C-alpha atoms as a PDB file:
ATOM      1  CA  MET A   1      54.797   1.806  33.140  1.00  0.00           C
ATOM      2  CA  THR A   2      56.420  -1.393  34.796  1.00  0.00           C
ATOM      3  CA  ALA A   3      56.993   0.361  38.017  1.00  0.00           C
ATOM      4  CA  LEU A   4      53.154   0.980  37.974  1.00  0.00           C
ATOM      5  CA  THR A   5      52.489  -2.589  37.065  1.00  0.00           C
ATOM      6  CA  GLY A   6      54.737  -3.895  39.865  1.00  0.00           C
ATOM      7  CA  PHE A   7      53.145  -1.665  42.278  1.00  0.00           C
ATOM      8  CA  ALA A   8      49.682  -2.826  41.442  1.00  0.00           C
ATOM      9  CA  THR A   9      51.035  -6.552  41.468  1.00  0.00           C
ATOM     10  CA  MET A  10      52.277  -5.710  45.107  1.00  0.00           C
ATOM     11  CA  TYR A  11      48.929  -4.652  46.191  1.00  0.00           C
ATOM     12  CA  ARG A  12      46.983  -7.596  44.874  1.00  0.00           C
ATOM     13  CA  GLU A  13      49.542  -9.739  46.332  1.00  0.00           C
ATOM     14  CA  ARG A  14      49.076  -8.063  49.763  1.00  0.00           C
ATOM     15  CA  GLU A  15      45.234  -8.974  49.775  1.00  0.00           C
ATOM     16  CA  ARG A  16      46.102 -12.576  49.718  1.00  0.00           C
ATOM     17  CA  LEU A  17      48.188 -12.175  52.774  1.00  0.00           C
ATOM     18  CA  SER A  18      46.891 -13.401  56.250  1.00  0.00           C
ATOM     19  CA  LEU A  19      45.495 -11.186  58.610  1.00  0.00           C
ATOM     20  CA  ARG A  20      48.381 -11.262  60.785  1.00  0.00           C
ATOM     21  CA  THR A  21      50.632 -10.870  58.195  1.00  0.00           C
ATOM     22  CA  ARG A  22      48.872  -7.477  56.947  1.00  0.00           C
ATOM     23  CA  LEU A  23      49.015  -6.091  60.189  1.00  0.00           C
ATOM     24  CA  LEU A  24      52.423  -6.531  60.758  1.00  0.00           C
ATOM     25  CA  PHE A  25      52.790  -4.621  57.562  1.00  0.00           C
ATOM     26  CA  THR A  26      50.395  -1.641  58.882  1.00  0.00           C
ATOM     27  CA  PHE A  27      52.050  -1.501  62.037  1.00  0.00           C
ATOM     28  CA  GLY A  28      55.618  -1.898  60.455  1.00  0.00           C
ATOM     29  CA  ALA A  29      55.000   1.029  58.410  1.00  0.00           C
ATOM     30  CA  VAL A  30      53.962   2.972  61.775  1.00  0.00           C
ATOM     31  CA  ALA A  31      57.269   1.740  63.071  1.00  0.00           C
ATOM     32  CA  ALA A  32      58.974   3.141  60.082  1.00  0.00           C
ATOM     33  CA  LEU A  33      57.766   6.566  60.559  1.00  0.00           C
ATOM     34  CA  HIS A  34      58.502   6.805  64.090  1.00  0.00           C
ATOM     35  CA  VAL A  35      62.257   5.513  63.204  1.00  0.00           C
ATOM     36  CA  ALA A  36      62.074   7.995  60.477  1.00  0.00           C
ATOM     37  CA  ALA A  37      61.177  10.812  62.945  1.00  0.00           C
ATOM     38  CA  VAL A  38      63.894   9.936  65.443  1.00  0.00           C
ATOM     39  CA  VAL A  39      66.462   9.832  62.653  1.00  0.00           C
ATOM     40  CA  LEU A  40      66.138  13.218  61.297  1.00  0.00           C
ATOM     41  CA  LEU A  41      65.951  14.649  64.647  1.00  0.00           C
ATOM     42  CA  LEU A  42      69.122  12.931  65.566  1.00  0.00           C
ATOM     43  CA  PHE A  43      71.047  13.869  62.345  1.00  0.00           C
ATOM     44  CA  GLY A  44      69.415  17.533  62.620  1.00  0.00           C
ATOM     45  CA  SER A  45      70.901  17.725  66.028  1.00  0.00           C
ATOM     46  CA  VAL A  46      74.315  16.929  65.003  1.00  0.00           C
ATOM     47  CA  GLY A  47      77.050  19.427  66.256  1.00  0.00           C
ATOM     48  CA  GLY A  48      74.517  21.493  68.528  1.00  0.00           C
ATOM     49  CA  ALA A  49      72.522  19.332  70.780  1.00  0.00           C
ATOM     50  CA  GLN A  50      69.336  22.052  69.846  1.00  0.00           C
ATOM     51  CA  PRO A  51      67.461  21.052  73.138  1.00  0.00           C
ATOM     52  CA  LEU A  52      64.948  23.050  71.261  1.00  0.00           C
ATOM     53  CA  ALA A  53      64.299  20.774  68.418  1.00  0.00           C
ATOM     54  CA  LEU A  54      63.730  17.669  70.909  1.00  0.00           C
ATOM     55  CA  GLY A  55      60.780  20.046  72.549  1.00  0.00           C
ATOM     56  CA  LEU A  56      59.257  20.956  69.239  1.00  0.00           C
ATOM     57  CA  VAL A  57      59.388  17.186  68.149  1.00  0.00           C
ATOM     58  CA  VAL A  58      57.894  15.987  71.211  1.00  0.00           C
ATOM     59  CA  THR A  59      55.241  18.902  71.028  1.00  0.00           C
ATOM     60  CA  ALA A  60      54.222  17.914  67.477  1.00  0.00           C
ATOM     61  CA  TYR A  61      53.872  14.353  68.451  1.00  0.00           C
ATOM     62  CA  VAL A  62      51.250  14.735  71.384  1.00  0.00           C
ATOM     63  CA  ALA A  63      49.576  17.183  68.731  1.00  0.00           C
ATOM     64  CA  GLY A  64      49.256  14.052  66.085  1.00  0.00           C
ATOM     65  CA  ILE A  65      47.906  12.057  69.099  1.00  0.00           C
ATOM     66  CA  LYS A  66      45.052  15.005  69.877  1.00  0.00           C
ATOM     67  CA  HIS A  67      44.361  15.338  66.257  1.00  0.00           C
ATOM     68  CA  SER A  68      43.597  11.651  65.756  1.00  0.00           C
ATOM     69  CA  TYR A  69      40.972  11.999  68.028  1.00  0.00           C
ATOM     70  CA  ASP A  70      39.043  14.645  66.236  1.00  0.00           C
ATOM     71  CA  TRP A  71      35.441  13.750  65.723  1.00  0.00           C
ATOM     72  CA  ASP A  72      35.442  13.540  61.870  1.00  0.00           C
ATOM     73  CA  HIS A  73      38.597  11.473  62.011  1.00  0.00           C
ATOM     74  CA  ILE A  74      36.913   8.701  64.122  1.00  0.00           C
ATOM     75  CA  ALA A  75      33.798   9.203  62.315  1.00  0.00           C
ATOM     76  CA  ALA A  76      35.312   8.528  59.182  1.00  0.00           C
ATOM     77  CA  ILE A  77      37.328   5.536  59.743  1.00  0.00           C
ATOM     78  CA  ASP A  78      34.686   4.052  61.997  1.00  0.00           C
ATOM     79  CA  ASN A  79      31.791   4.219  59.018  1.00  0.00           C
ATOM     80  CA  SER A  80      34.220   2.971  56.539  1.00  0.00           C
ATOM     81  CA  THR A  81      35.437  -0.045  58.402  1.00  0.00           C
ATOM     82  CA  ARG A  82      31.839  -0.813  58.979  1.00  0.00           C
ATOM     83  CA  LYS A  83      31.323  -0.921  55.302  1.00  0.00           C
ATOM     84  CA  PHE A  84      34.241  -2.823  54.604  1.00  0.00           C
ATOM     85  CA  VAL A  85      33.603  -5.723  57.182  1.00  0.00           C
ATOM     86  CA  ALA A  86      29.872  -5.890  56.064  1.00  0.00           C
ATOM     87  CA  GLN A  87      31.324  -6.649  52.716  1.00  0.00           C
ATOM     88  CA  HIS A  88      33.484  -9.536  54.363  1.00  0.00           C
ATOM     89  CA  LYS A  89      36.785  -7.890  54.041  1.00  0.00           C
ATOM     90  CA  ASP A  90      39.138  -7.553  56.436  1.00  0.00           C
ATOM     91  CA  PRO A  91      40.274  -3.532  56.567  1.00  0.00           C
ATOM     92  CA  VAL A  92      43.234  -3.686  58.965  1.00  0.00           C
ATOM     93  CA  SER A  93      44.855  -0.375  57.360  1.00  0.00           C
ATOM     94  CA  VAL A  94      41.665   2.130  56.866  1.00  0.00           C
ATOM     95  CA  GLY A  95      42.774   3.911  59.942  1.00  0.00           C
ATOM     96  CA  PHE A  96      46.206   3.825  58.549  1.00  0.00           C
ATOM     97  CA  ALA A  97      45.368   5.180  55.229  1.00  0.00           C
ATOM     98  CA  PHE A  98      42.894   7.670  56.303  1.00  0.00           C
ATOM     99  CA  SER A  99      45.431   9.185  58.433  1.00  0.00           C
ATOM    100  CA  LEU A 100      48.255   9.080  56.184  1.00  0.00           C
ATOM    101  CA  GLY A 101      46.592  10.851  53.676  1.00  0.00           C
ATOM    102  CA  HIS A 102      45.256  13.442  55.989  1.00  0.00           C
ATOM    103  CA  SER A 103      48.854  13.989  57.243  1.00  0.00           C
ATOM    104  CA  SER A 104      50.643  13.779  53.716  1.00  0.00           C
ATOM    105  CA  VAL A 105      49.050  17.565  53.556  1.00  0.00           C
ATOM    106  CA  VAL A 106      50.542  18.467  56.765  1.00  0.00           C
ATOM    107  CA  ILE A 107      53.977  16.964  55.695  1.00  0.00           C
ATOM    108  CA  LEU A 108      53.893  18.591  52.186  1.00  0.00           C
ATOM    109  CA  ALA A 109      53.289  22.126  53.974  1.00  0.00           C
ATOM    110  CA  GLY A 110      56.036  21.305  56.137  1.00  0.00           C
ATOM    111  CA  VAL A 111      58.471  20.995  53.572  1.00  0.00           C
ATOM    112  CA  LEU A 112      57.406  24.131  52.058  1.00  0.00           C
ATOM    113  CA  VAL A 113      57.780  26.039  55.105  1.00  0.00           C
ATOM    114  CA  VAL A 114      61.077  24.456  55.650  1.00  0.00           C
ATOM    115  CA  ALA A 115      62.318  25.296  52.140  1.00  0.00           C
ATOM    116  CA  GLY A 116      61.132  28.740  52.914  1.00  0.00           C
ATOM    117  CA  ALA A 117      58.077  29.102  50.495  1.00  0.00           C
ATOM    118  CA  THR A 118      55.832  31.984  51.354  1.00  0.00           C
ATOM    119  CA  LEU A 119      52.930  30.557  49.464  1.00  0.00           C
ATOM    120  CA  ILE A 120      51.857  28.112  52.164  1.00  0.00           C
ATOM    121  CA  GLY A 121      51.622  31.544  54.279  1.00  0.00           C
ATOM    122  CA  GLN A 122      48.738  32.789  52.084  1.00  0.00           C
ATOM    123  CA  PHE A 123      46.688  28.948  52.536  1.00  0.00           C
ATOM    124  CA  MET A 124      47.133  29.353  56.683  1.00  0.00           C
ATOM    125  CA  GLU A 125      46.095  33.087  56.588  1.00  0.00           C
ATOM    126  CA  ASP A 126      42.338  33.414  57.200  1.00  0.00           C
ATOM    127  CA  GLY A 127      40.547  35.469  54.535  1.00  0.00           C
ATOM    128  CA  THR A 128      42.814  34.605  51.545  1.00  0.00           C
ATOM    129  CA  THR A 129      41.590  32.931  48.597  1.00  0.00           C
ATOM    130  CA  GLY A 130      44.043  29.995  48.984  1.00  0.00           C
ATOM    131  CA  ASN A 131      42.950  29.676  52.219  1.00  0.00           C
ATOM    132  CA  LYS A 132      39.119  29.857  51.454  1.00  0.00           C
ATOM    133  CA  VAL A 133      39.299  27.380  48.549  1.00  0.00           C
ATOM    134  CA  LEU A 134      41.317  24.795  50.303  1.00  0.00           C
ATOM    135  CA  GLY A 135      38.908  25.041  53.033  1.00  0.00           C
ATOM    136  CA  LEU A 136      35.953  24.598  50.979  1.00  0.00           C
ATOM    137  CA  ILE A 137      37.430  21.703  49.044  1.00  0.00           C
ATOM    138  CA  GLY A 138      37.985  19.960  52.563  1.00  0.00           C
ATOM    139  CA  SER A 139      34.843  20.703  54.242  1.00  0.00           C
ATOM    140  CA  GLY A 140      32.536  19.903  51.230  1.00  0.00           C
ATOM    141  CA  VAL A 141      34.357  16.587  50.594  1.00  0.00           C
ATOM    142  CA  SER A 142      34.206  15.440  54.257  1.00  0.00           C
ATOM    143  CA  GLY A 143      30.897  16.480  54.663  1.00  0.00           C
ATOM    144  CA  LEU A 144      29.636  14.471  51.578  1.00  0.00           C
ATOM    145  CA  PHE A 145      31.618  11.511  52.518  1.00  0.00           C
ATOM    146  CA  LEU A 146      30.544  11.598  56.275  1.00  0.00           C
ATOM    147  CA  LEU A 147      26.799  12.044  54.737  1.00  0.00           C
ATOM    148  CA  THR A 148      27.258   9.135  52.391  1.00  0.00           C
ATOM    149  CA  MET A 149      28.720   6.708  55.211  1.00  0.00           C
ATOM    150  CA  GLY A 150      26.105   7.804  57.444  1.00  0.00           C
ATOM    151  CA  LEU A 151      23.230   7.309  55.228  1.00  0.00           C
ATOM    152  CA  PHE A 152      24.704   3.820  54.227  1.00  0.00           C
ATOM    153  CA  ASN A 153      25.363   2.613  57.538  1.00  0.00           C
ATOM    154  CA  GLY A 154      21.998   4.122  58.859  1.00  0.00           C
ATOM    155  CA  SER A 155      20.445   1.629  56.322  1.00  0.00           C
ATOM    156  CA  ALA A 156      22.063  -1.205  57.917  1.00  0.00           C
ATOM    157  CA  PHE A 157      21.260   0.113  61.537  1.00  0.00           C
ATOM    158  CA  VAL A 158      17.545  -0.091  60.330  1.00  0.00           C
ATOM    159  CA  ARG A 159      18.415  -3.732  58.819  1.00  0.00           C
ATOM    160  CA  ALA A 160      20.128  -4.787  62.381  1.00  0.00           C
ATOM    161  CA  THR A 161      16.909  -3.484  64.400  1.00  0.00           C
ATOM    162  CA  GLN A 162      14.963  -5.277  62.331  1.00  0.00           C
ATOM    163  CA  ALA A 163      16.688  -8.799  62.622  1.00  0.00           C
ATOM    164  CA  TYR A 164      16.902  -8.015  66.391  1.00  0.00           C
ATOM    165  CA  ARG A 165      13.217  -7.685  66.668  1.00  0.00           C
ATOM    166  CA  LYS A 166      12.917 -11.049  64.527  1.00  0.00           C
ATOM    167  CA  VAL A 167      15.335 -12.724  66.839  1.00  0.00           C
ATOM    168  CA  GLN A 168      13.442 -11.520  69.842  1.00  0.00           C
ATOM    169  CA  ALA A 169      10.271 -13.192  68.138  1.00  0.00           C
ATOM    170  CA  GLY A 170      11.810 -16.462  67.983  1.00  0.00           C
ATOM    171  CA  GLY A 171      13.104 -16.032  64.179  1.00  0.00           C
ATOM    172  CA  ASP A 172      16.377 -16.846  62.236  1.00  0.00           C
ATOM    173  CA  VAL A 173      19.137 -14.339  61.071  1.00  0.00           C
ATOM    174  CA  ARG A 174      21.682 -14.691  58.772  1.00  0.00           C
ATOM    175  CA  PRO A 175      24.597 -12.764  58.402  1.00  0.00           C
ATOM    176  CA  GLU A 176      23.245 -11.038  55.088  1.00  0.00           C
ATOM    177  CA  ASP A 177      20.135  -9.951  56.760  1.00  0.00           C
ATOM    178  CA  LEU A 178      22.306  -7.202  58.508  1.00  0.00           C
ATOM    179  CA  GLU A 179      23.666  -5.991  55.274  1.00  0.00           C
ATOM    180  CA  ALA A 180      22.539  -2.587  54.032  1.00  0.00           C
ATOM    181  CA  LYS A 181      19.787  -2.666  51.572  1.00  0.00           C
ATOM    182  CA  GLY A 182      16.386  -1.004  50.557  1.00  0.00           C
ATOM    183  CA  LEU A 183      16.271   2.206  48.455  1.00  0.00           C
ATOM    184  CA  VAL A 184      19.029   4.262  50.441  1.00  0.00           C
ATOM    185  CA  ALA A 185      21.617   1.366  49.987  1.00  0.00           C
ATOM    186  CA  ARG A 186      20.973   1.373  46.171  1.00  0.00           C
ATOM    187  CA  LEU A 187      21.358   5.089  45.699  1.00  0.00           C
ATOM    188  CA  LEU A 188      24.646   4.842  47.402  1.00  0.00           C
ATOM    189  CA  ALA A 189      25.929   1.891  45.627  1.00  0.00           C
ATOM    190  CA  LYS A 190      27.496   3.990  42.946  1.00  0.00           C
ATOM    191  CA  PRO A 191      28.988   6.861  44.914  1.00  0.00           C
ATOM    192  CA  LEU A 192      30.537   4.120  47.255  1.00  0.00           C
ATOM    193  CA  SER A 193      31.603   1.911  44.467  1.00  0.00           C
ATOM    194  CA  LYS A 194      34.760   4.017  44.214  1.00  0.00           C
ATOM    195  CA  VAL A 195      35.423   3.159  48.035  1.00  0.00           C
ATOM    196  CA  GLU A 196      36.105  -0.491  47.286  1.00  0.00           C
ATOM    197  CA  ARG A 197      39.467  -1.294  49.134  1.00  0.00           C
ATOM    198  CA  PRO A 198      40.864   0.473  52.719  1.00  0.00           C
ATOM    199  CA  ARG A 199      43.741   2.331  50.571  1.00  0.00           C
ATOM    200  CA  ASN A 200      41.074   4.065  48.299  1.00  0.00           C
ATOM    201  CA  ILE A 201      40.772   5.673  51.902  1.00  0.00           C
ATOM    202  CA  TYR A 202      44.102   7.732  51.816  1.00  0.00           C
ATOM    203  CA  VAL A 203      42.469   9.919  49.024  1.00  0.00           C
ATOM    204  CA  ILE A 204      39.418  10.471  51.510  1.00  0.00           C
ATOM    205  CA  GLY A 205      42.159  11.365  54.142  1.00  0.00           C
ATOM    206  CA  PHE A 206      44.031  13.804  51.819  1.00  0.00           C
ATOM    207  CA  LEU A 207      41.501  15.606  50.850  1.00  0.00           C
ATOM    208  CA  PHE A 208      39.943  15.915  54.598  1.00  0.00           C
ATOM    209  CA  GLY A 209      43.397  17.430  55.228  1.00  0.00           C
ATOM    210  CA  LEU A 210      43.096  20.012  52.584  1.00  0.00           C
ATOM    211  CA  GLY A 211      41.270  22.603  54.224  1.00  0.00           C
ATOM    212  CA  PHE A 212      44.036  24.204  56.735  1.00  0.00           C
ATOM    213  CA  ASP A 213      41.308  25.049  59.134  1.00  0.00           C
ATOM    214  CA  THR A 214      42.235  22.768  62.222  1.00  0.00           C
ATOM    215  CA  ALA A 215      43.860  24.584  65.132  1.00  0.00           C
ATOM    216  CA  THR A 216      46.325  21.488  65.367  1.00  0.00           C
ATOM    217  CA  THR A 217      47.411  21.741  61.822  1.00  0.00           C
ATOM    218  CA  ILE A 218      47.970  25.463  61.893  1.00  0.00           C
ATOM    219  CA  GLY A 219      49.518  25.100  65.305  1.00  0.00           C
ATOM    220  CA  LEU A 220      52.111  22.816  63.756  1.00  0.00           C
ATOM    221  CA  LEU A 221      53.004  24.751  60.896  1.00  0.00           C
ATOM    222  CA  VAL A 222      53.270  28.083  62.595  1.00  0.00           C
ATOM    223  CA  LEU A 223      55.633  25.916  65.218  1.00  0.00           C
ATOM    224  CA  THR A 224      57.446  25.080  62.157  1.00  0.00           C
ATOM    225  CA  THR A 225      57.528  28.324  61.055  1.00  0.00           C
ATOM    226  CA  THR A 226      58.880  29.845  64.356  1.00  0.00           C
ATOM    227  CA  ALA A 227      61.521  26.871  64.926  1.00  0.00           C
ATOM    228  CA  SER A 228      62.805  27.656  61.653  1.00  0.00           C
ATOM    229  CA  LEU A 229      63.450  31.400  62.293  1.00  0.00           C
ATOM    230  CA  ALA A 230      64.912  30.426  65.408  1.00  0.00           C
ATOM    231  CA  GLY A 231      67.706  28.676  63.649  1.00  0.00           C
ATOM    232  CA  VAL A 232      66.729  24.703  64.118  1.00  0.00           C
ATOM    233  CA  SER A 233      68.358  22.750  61.389  1.00  0.00           C
ATOM    234  CA  PRO A 234      66.024  22.126  58.196  1.00  0.00           C
ATOM    235  CA  LEU A 235      66.357  18.084  58.967  1.00  0.00           C
ATOM    236  CA  ALA A 236      65.137  18.616  62.595  1.00  0.00           C
ATOM    237  CA  LEU A 237      62.377  20.862  61.734  1.00  0.00           C
ATOM    238  CA  MET A 238      60.942  17.771  58.777  1.00  0.00           C
ATOM    239  CA  ALA A 239      61.198  15.804  62.216  1.00  0.00           C
ATOM    240  CA  LEU A 240      58.061  18.049  63.303  1.00  0.00           C
ATOM    241  CA  PRO A 241      55.593  17.035  60.517  1.00  0.00           C
ATOM    242  CA  LEU A 242      57.072  13.524  60.804  1.00  0.00           C
ATOM    243  CA  ALA A 243      56.132  13.078  64.525  1.00  0.00           C
ATOM    244  CA  PHE A 244      53.080  14.588  64.001  1.00  0.00           C
ATOM    245  CA  THR A 245      52.557  11.711  61.414  1.00  0.00           C
ATOM    246  CA  ALA A 246      53.867   8.962  63.242  1.00  0.00           C
ATOM    247  CA  ALA A 247      51.532   9.703  66.331  1.00  0.00           C
ATOM    248  CA  MET A 248      48.296  10.289  64.320  1.00  0.00           C
ATOM    249  CA  THR A 249      48.816   7.178  62.390  1.00  0.00           C
ATOM    250  CA  LEU A 250      49.590   5.067  65.435  1.00  0.00           C
ATOM    251  CA  CYS A 251      46.329   6.078  66.920  1.00  0.00           C
ATOM    252  CA  ASP A 252      44.162   6.084  63.807  1.00  0.00           C
ATOM    253  CA  SER A 253      45.370   2.384  62.780  1.00  0.00           C
ATOM    254  CA  ALA A 254      44.703   1.336  66.374  1.00  0.00           C
ATOM    255  CA  ASN A 255      41.182   2.735  66.368  1.00  0.00           C
ATOM    256  CA  GLY A 256      40.812   0.932  63.062  1.00  0.00           C
ATOM    257  CA  VAL A 257      41.743  -2.376  63.637  1.00  0.00           C
ATOM    258  CA  ALA A 258      39.794  -2.254  67.095  1.00  0.00           C
ATOM    259  CA  MET A 259      36.596  -0.978  65.197  1.00  0.00           C
ATOM    260  CA  MET A 260      37.341  -3.753  62.431  1.00  0.00           C
ATOM    261  CA  LYS A 261      37.156  -6.321  65.481  1.00  0.00           C
ATOM    262  CA  MET A 262      34.315  -4.898  66.992  1.00  0.00           C
ATOM    263  CA  TYR A 263      32.126  -4.977  63.618  1.00  0.00           C
ATOM    264  CA  LYS A 264      33.231  -8.555  62.944  1.00  0.00           C
ATOM    265  CA  THR A 265      32.210  -9.911  66.195  1.00  0.00           C
ATOM    266  CA  ALA A 266      29.029  -8.321  65.549  1.00  0.00           C
ATOM    267  CA  ILE A 267      28.519  -9.133  62.098  1.00  0.00           C
ATOM    268  CA  HIS A 268      29.931 -12.623  61.913  1.00  0.00           C
ATOM    269  CA  ASN A 269      27.796 -13.686  65.335  1.00  0.00           C
ATOM    270  CA  PRO A 270      24.319 -12.466  64.525  1.00  0.00           C
ATOM    271  CA  GLN A 271      22.238 -14.422  66.798  1.00  0.00           C
ATOM    272  CA  ARG A 272      24.506 -13.549  69.995  1.00  0.00           C
ATOM    273  CA  LYS A 273      25.488  -9.945  68.945  1.00  0.00           C
ATOM    274  CA  LEU A 274      22.491  -8.408  67.262  1.00  0.00           C
ATOM    275  CA  GLY A 275      21.556  -5.955  69.922  1.00  0.00           C
ATOM    276  CA  PHE A 276      25.684  -4.989  69.914  1.00  0.00           C
ATOM    277  CA  ASN A 277      25.558  -4.782  66.130  1.00  0.00           C
ATOM    278  CA  ALA A 278      22.438  -2.530  66.096  1.00  0.00           C
ATOM    279  CA  VAL A 279      23.869  -0.175  68.793  1.00  0.00           C
ATOM    280  CA  ILE A 280      27.494   0.421  67.315  1.00  0.00           C
ATOM    281  CA  THR A 281      26.123   0.693  63.822  1.00  0.00           C
ATOM    282  CA  GLY A 282      23.651   2.935  64.933  1.00  0.00           C
ATOM    283  CA  ILE A 283      26.293   5.247  67.064  1.00  0.00           C
ATOM    284  CA  SER A 284      28.274   5.250  63.998  1.00  0.00           C
ATOM    285  CA  ALA A 285      26.005   6.320  61.567  1.00  0.00           C
ATOM    286  CA  ALA A 286      24.554   8.869  63.725  1.00  0.00           C
ATOM    287  CA  SER A 287      27.984  10.382  64.490  1.00  0.00           C
ATOM    288  CA  ALA A 288      28.714  10.272  60.794  1.00  0.00           C
ATOM    289  CA  LEU A 289      25.301  12.337  60.121  1.00  0.00           C
ATOM    290  CA  PHE A 290      25.808  14.489  62.734  1.00  0.00           C
ATOM    291  CA  ILE A 291      29.339  15.448  61.877  1.00  0.00           C
ATOM    292  CA  SER A 292      28.289  15.888  58.086  1.00  0.00           C
ATOM    293  CA  VAL A 293      25.728  18.208  58.992  1.00  0.00           C
ATOM    294  CA  ILE A 294      27.680  20.496  60.919  1.00  0.00           C
ATOM    295  CA  THR A 295      30.388  20.486  58.206  1.00  0.00           C
ATOM    296  CA  LEU A 296      28.002  20.934  55.203  1.00  0.00           C
ATOM    297  CA  GLY A 297      26.277  23.795  57.180  1.00  0.00           C
ATOM    298  CA  GLY A 298      29.669  25.527  57.759  1.00  0.00           C
ATOM    299  CA  PHE A 299      30.556  24.794  53.920  1.00  0.00           C
ATOM    300  CA  ILE A 300      27.810  26.241  52.856  1.00  0.00           C
ATOM    301  CA  ASN A 301      28.193  29.268  54.882  1.00  0.00           C
ATOM    302  CA  ALA A 302      31.700  29.976  53.615  1.00  0.00           C
ATOM    303  CA  ALA A 303      30.762  29.113  49.864  1.00  0.00           C
ATOM    304  CA  PHE A 304      28.002  31.695  49.591  1.00  0.00           C
ATOM    305  CA  GLY A 305      28.958  34.415  52.416  1.00  0.00           C
ATOM    306  CA  LEU A 306      25.560  33.916  54.247  1.00  0.00           C
ATOM    307  CA  LYS A 307      24.853  35.857  57.422  1.00  0.00           C
ATOM    308  CA  ASP A 308      22.014  33.693  58.505  1.00  0.00           C
ATOM    309  CA  PRO A 309      22.113  32.649  62.294  1.00  0.00           C
ATOM    310  CA  LEU A 310      21.936  28.869  61.269  1.00  0.00           C
ATOM    311  CA  THR A 311      24.521  28.133  58.870  1.00  0.00           C
ATOM    312  CA  THR A 312      26.809  30.930  60.644  1.00  0.00           C
ATOM    313  CA  TRP A 313      26.462  29.117  63.970  1.00  0.00           C
ATOM    314  CA  LEU A 314      27.102  25.777  62.539  1.00  0.00           C
ATOM    315  CA  GLY A 315      30.223  27.102  60.721  1.00  0.00           C
ATOM    316  CA  GLU A 316      31.357  28.358  64.464  1.00  0.00           C
ATOM    317  CA  ILE A 317      31.011  25.041  66.129  1.00  0.00           C
ATOM    318  CA  ASP A 318      34.128  23.751  67.725  1.00  0.00           C
ATOM    319  CA  LEU A 319      34.143  20.057  68.376  1.00  0.00           C
ATOM    320  CA  GLY A 320      37.491  20.323  70.070  1.00  0.00           C
ATOM    321  CA  ASP A 321      37.994  17.115  71.766  1.00  0.00           C
ATOM    322  CA  ALA A 322      34.582  15.948  71.512  1.00  0.00           C
ATOM    323  CA  GLY A 323      35.843  12.871  69.578  1.00  0.00           C
ATOM    324  CA  LEU A 324      36.696  11.134  72.945  1.00  0.00           C
ATOM    325  CA  ILE A 325      33.122  10.849  73.866  1.00  0.00           C
ATOM    326  CA  LEU A 326      32.522   8.956  70.473  1.00  0.00           C
ATOM    327  CA  VAL A 327      35.665   6.608  71.774  1.00  0.00           C
ATOM    328  CA  GLY A 328      34.194   6.382  75.169  1.00  0.00           C
ATOM    329  CA  LEU A 329      30.986   5.265  74.022  1.00  0.00           C
ATOM    330  CA  PHE A 330      32.090   2.468  71.787  1.00  0.00           C
ATOM    331  CA  VAL A 331      34.323   1.641  74.783  1.00  0.00           C
ATOM    332  CA  LEU A 332      31.525   1.486  77.267  1.00  0.00           C
ATOM    333  CA  VAL A 333      29.123  -0.640  74.353  1.00  0.00           C
ATOM    334  CA  TRP A 334      31.935  -2.813  74.143  1.00  0.00           C
ATOM    335  CA  ALA A 335      32.721  -3.385  77.979  1.00  0.00           C
ATOM    336  CA  VAL A 336      29.008  -3.519  78.330  1.00  0.00           C
ATOM    337  CA  SER A 337      28.430  -6.580  75.956  1.00  0.00           C
ATOM    338  CA  ALA A 338      31.570  -8.468  76.961  1.00  0.00           C
ATOM    339  CA  TRP A 339      30.105  -8.339  80.265  1.00  0.00           C
ATOM    340  CA  ARG A 340      26.661  -9.457  79.195  1.00  0.00           C
ATOM    341  CA  GLY A 341      28.335 -12.342  77.225  1.00  0.00           C
ATOM    342  CA  ARG A 342      30.209 -13.427  80.447  1.00  0.00           C
ATOM    343  CA  LYS A 343      27.309 -13.310  82.302  1.00  0.00           C
ATOM    344  CA  VAL A 344      25.051 -15.773  80.120  1.00  0.00           C
ATOM    345  CA  ARG A 345      27.982 -18.090  79.799  1.00  0.00           C
ATOM    346  CA  ASN A 346      28.188 -18.335  83.969  1.00  0.00           C
ATOM    347  CA  GLY A 347      24.788 -19.099  83.809  1.00  0.00           C
ATOM    348  CA  SER A 348      23.751 -16.140  85.499  1.00  0.00           C
END
């Protein structure tokens, strides 16, 4: 009990720290994951160079980078960040918390693989009860979470659009005019009340990762299994999921911090950034709703064994690297906004 109290106290104290200090904590943790992966690889390769282990770790690291750009990752992190910023918080660790939760599943599965547990194979194999149950939990939670966030930020998008029209007509706008309000916001207030701080996103990320249905996750575990059979040492094997986690937390943390700065610029400077705020909020909400429809369609199809063309099609959609499109959209909007702002300042 004393340990739990101390842990809770540490978190409360952390929230009183400056933004720069919390950023150092977040990226310090990311750096620690990188160091841990390197240490495991080095100690696991003592006695035999095991060049195979190095190649596998590099492959796992690249897989972590790729997985961080899945559309559902970006949509979940961006929409959660938008919610926290609208509540006047500095959510520096949203991306890190989500990514760590998501990759905790991979690390746990990797430990079981290294330990020789055959149970994990039942969860990875299509058609098995374990695979189906975990897949339904992962897709159900992710679909509902993204739907909720999409609707909440959709309400904020409507408010931002109304505020933009008000300014165009010569009126004044305050930051609170951009907050999500109305029937939708009130209906979603209770479900979202449990997501009060960035660390709550860890649980969301963990539940997202329960479905062993992404090619990247399955590929990593198959890679670990194959390396185990090839005689790679257990320590070097554990470097694989850790390298995957290090890469994914780095990219997701950077994404979360970038979106925090973007939303803060838009929300806390409403007079000059109204159009920018409306556009990025609209993109975030639309992306979350888009992914939620696909995910929930696949969930319904799998849960009830449907054969209809619509849910079957939704369940088979593979967005692949589509998350990069979403990142590109945000970068483009940010660049256009910065260019226009510079043009206005120069009086041209």
